[in-house]
Amino acid sequence: MFTSQKHKECNWEGSYQFKLLTEYLDFLCNHRGLAKGTICIRRNDVTSFLQSLRLHNNSEDIGKISARQIHDYVIKTAKRMNRPSRQHLVSSIRTFLRFC
């Protein structure tokens, strides 16, 4: 539902991470009732986060993400953002990891 051409260009379709991201976005829409704009922001944040990790295509990789990897990604990415955008980024990653 909330997948985009951006994902297809990254060869994500069919991967475990793509499936998990799609389930997360459907959860946000159907169970949390978030607005489409909010879901798009979260999709972009989580997609960028997952791409930065260069995970293999299996379920065990998500569980192996360390606090250090998350911290390093947030620090690196947040440098170019304003405060509300940083808050959205952290919230997106946190809710995605809780969902997993």
C-alpha atoms as a PDB file:
ATOM      1  CA  MET A   1       0.000   0.000   0.000  1.00  0.00           C
ATOM      2  CA  PHE A   2       2.677   2.508   0.972  1.00  0.00           C
ATOM      3  CA  THR A   3       5.511   1.067  -1.046  1.00  0.00           C
ATOM      4  CA  SER A   4       7.013   3.281  -3.687  1.00  0.00           C
ATOM      5  CA  GLN A   5       9.175   3.250  -6.768  1.00  0.00           C
ATOM      6  CA  LYS A   6      12.095   4.120  -4.501  1.00  0.00           C
ATOM      7  CA  HIS A   7      11.954   0.635  -2.978  1.00  0.00           C
ATOM      8  CA  LYS A   8      11.869  -1.078  -6.355  1.00  0.00           C
ATOM      9  CA  GLU A   9      14.946   0.809  -7.484  1.00  0.00           C
ATOM     10  CA  CYS A  10      16.816  -0.526  -4.442  1.00  0.00           C
ATOM     11  CA  ASN A  11      16.008  -4.158  -5.340  1.00  0.00           C
ATOM     12  CA  TRP A  12      14.172  -4.564  -2.044  1.00  0.00           C
ATOM     13  CA  GLU A  13      11.031  -6.161  -3.372  1.00  0.00           C
ATOM     14  CA  GLY A  14      10.904  -9.762  -2.180  1.00  0.00           C
ATOM     15  CA  SER A  15      13.529  -9.255   0.532  1.00  0.00           C
ATOM     16  CA  TYR A  16      12.858  -9.896   4.199  1.00  0.00           C
ATOM     17  CA  GLN A  17      13.446  -6.221   5.036  1.00  0.00           C
ATOM     18  CA  PHE A  18      10.958  -5.102   2.352  1.00  0.00           C
ATOM     19  CA  LYS A  19       8.356  -7.529   3.699  1.00  0.00           C
ATOM     20  CA  LEU A  20       8.918  -6.307   7.256  1.00  0.00           C
ATOM     21  CA  LEU A  21       8.745  -2.657   6.192  1.00  0.00           C
ATOM     22  CA  THR A  22       5.507  -3.292   4.299  1.00  0.00           C
ATOM     23  CA  GLU A  23       3.962  -5.024   7.331  1.00  0.00           C
ATOM     24  CA  TYR A  24       5.072  -2.116   9.548  1.00  0.00           C
ATOM     25  CA  LEU A  25       3.510   0.474   7.227  1.00  0.00           C
ATOM     26  CA  ASP A  26       0.265  -1.510   7.067  1.00  0.00           C
ATOM     27  CA  PHE A  27       0.283  -1.689  10.880  1.00  0.00           C
ATOM     28  CA  LEU A  28       0.678   2.088  11.123  1.00  0.00           C
ATOM     29  CA  CYS A  29      -2.218   2.610   8.762  1.00  0.00           C
ATOM     30  CA  ASN A  30      -4.647  -0.089   9.898  1.00  0.00           C
ATOM     31  CA  HIS A  31      -3.966  -0.336  13.625  1.00  0.00           C
ATOM     32  CA  ARG A  32      -2.503   2.997  14.628  1.00  0.00           C
ATOM     33  CA  GLY A  33      -4.602   5.061  12.222  1.00  0.00           C
ATOM     34  CA  LEU A  34      -1.769   7.418  11.271  1.00  0.00           C
ATOM     35  CA  ALA A  35      -2.183   9.928   8.471  1.00  0.00           C
ATOM     36  CA  LYS A  36      -0.700   9.126   5.059  1.00  0.00           C
ATOM     37  CA  GLY A  37       1.810  11.947   5.406  1.00  0.00           C
ATOM     38  CA  THR A  38       3.091  10.590   8.702  1.00  0.00           C
ATOM     39  CA  ILE A  39       3.333   7.099   7.262  1.00  0.00           C
ATOM     40  CA  CYS A  40       5.330   8.412   4.293  1.00  0.00           C
ATOM     41  CA  ILE A  41       7.766  10.158   6.636  1.00  0.00           C
ATOM     42  CA  ARG A  42       8.186   6.981   8.661  1.00  0.00           C
ATOM     43  CA  ARG A  43       8.632   4.920   5.497  1.00  0.00           C
ATOM     44  CA  ASN A  44      11.419   7.205   4.310  1.00  0.00           C
ATOM     45  CA  ASP A  45      13.123   7.235   7.720  1.00  0.00           C
ATOM     46  CA  VAL A  46      13.028   3.468   8.167  1.00  0.00           C
ATOM     47  CA  THR A  47      14.044   2.757   4.566  1.00  0.00           C
ATOM     48  CA  SER A  48      17.093   4.971   4.920  1.00  0.00           C
ATOM     49  CA  PHE A  49      17.940   3.371   8.263  1.00  0.00           C
ATOM     50  CA  LEU A  50      17.709  -0.182   6.915  1.00  0.00           C
ATOM     51  CA  GLN A  51      19.730   0.674   3.823  1.00  0.00           C
ATOM     52  CA  SER A  52      22.480   2.153   5.974  1.00  0.00           C
ATOM     53  CA  LEU A  53      22.818  -1.126   7.890  1.00  0.00           C
ATOM     54  CA  ARG A  54      23.338  -3.268   4.766  1.00  0.00           C
ATOM     55  CA  LEU A  55      21.601  -6.254   6.325  1.00  0.00           C
ATOM     56  CA  HIS A  56      21.454  -9.694   4.769  1.00  0.00           C
ATOM     57  CA  ASN A  57      18.107 -11.062   3.700  1.00  0.00           C
ATOM     58  CA  ASN A  58      17.038 -12.929   6.842  1.00  0.00           C
ATOM     59  CA  SER A  59      15.058 -12.381  10.013  1.00  0.00           C
ATOM     60  CA  GLU A  60      18.002 -12.770  12.364  1.00  0.00           C
ATOM     61  CA  ASP A  61      19.690  -9.598  11.143  1.00  0.00           C
ATOM     62  CA  ILE A  62      17.060  -7.288  12.644  1.00  0.00           C
ATOM     63  CA  GLY A  63      17.647  -8.792  16.083  1.00  0.00           C
ATOM     64  CA  LYS A  64      21.383  -8.255  15.758  1.00  0.00           C
ATOM     65  CA  ILE A  65      21.195  -4.495  15.322  1.00  0.00           C
ATOM     66  CA  SER A  66      23.195  -2.963  18.148  1.00  0.00           C
ATOM     67  CA  ALA A  67      22.444   0.159  20.130  1.00  0.00           C
ATOM     68  CA  ARG A  68      25.732   1.538  18.806  1.00  0.00           C
ATOM     69  CA  GLN A  69      24.602   1.113  15.178  1.00  0.00           C
ATOM     70  CA  ILE A  70      21.355   2.924  15.932  1.00  0.00           C
ATOM     71  CA  HIS A  71      23.135   5.688  17.818  1.00  0.00           C
ATOM     72  CA  ASP A  72      25.727   6.193  15.082  1.00  0.00           C
ATOM     73  CA  TYR A  73      23.044   6.337  12.389  1.00  0.00           C
ATOM     74  CA  VAL A  74      20.918   8.857  14.308  1.00  0.00           C
ATOM     75  CA  ILE A  75      23.908  11.110  15.071  1.00  0.00           C
ATOM     76  CA  LYS A  76      25.112  11.035  11.466  1.00  0.00           C
ATOM     77  CA  THR A  77      21.661  11.591   9.957  1.00  0.00           C
ATOM     78  CA  ALA A  78      20.379  14.142  12.473  1.00  0.00           C
ATOM     79  CA  LYS A  79      23.195  16.602  11.749  1.00  0.00           C
ATOM     80  CA  ARG A  80      21.393  17.878   8.690  1.00  0.00           C
ATOM     81  CA  MET A  81      17.919  18.013  10.294  1.00  0.00           C
ATOM     82  CA  ASN A  82      16.009  20.489  12.393  1.00  0.00           C
ATOM     83  CA  ARG A  83      14.701  19.503  15.818  1.00  0.00           C
ATOM     84  CA  PRO A  84      11.199  18.320  14.773  1.00  0.00           C
ATOM     85  CA  SER A  85      12.698  16.212  11.973  1.00  0.00           C
ATOM     86  CA  ARG A  86      15.152  14.626  14.403  1.00  0.00           C
ATOM     87  CA  GLN A  87      12.277  13.778  16.712  1.00  0.00           C
ATOM     88  CA  HIS A  88      10.389  12.162  13.806  1.00  0.00           C
ATOM     89  CA  LEU A  89      13.483  10.181  12.833  1.00  0.00           C
ATOM     90  CA  VAL A  90      13.985   8.778  16.334  1.00  0.00           C
ATOM     91  CA  SER A  91      10.288   8.027  16.694  1.00  0.00           C
ATOM     92  CA  SER A  92      10.215   6.236  13.328  1.00  0.00           C
ATOM     93  CA  ILE A  93      13.175   4.022  14.165  1.00  0.00           C
ATOM     94  CA  ARG A  94      11.947   3.324  17.698  1.00  0.00           C
ATOM     95  CA  THR A  95       8.437   2.294  16.607  1.00  0.00           C
ATOM     96  CA  PHE A  96       9.814   0.173  13.769  1.00  0.00           C
ATOM     97  CA  LEU A  97      12.165  -1.720  16.083  1.00  0.00           C
ATOM     98  CA  ARG A  98       9.386  -2.227  18.622  1.00  0.00           C
ATOM     99  CA  PHE A  99       7.189  -3.561  15.835  1.00  0.00           C
ATOM    100  CA  CYS A 100       9.875  -6.048  14.842  1.00  0.00           C
END
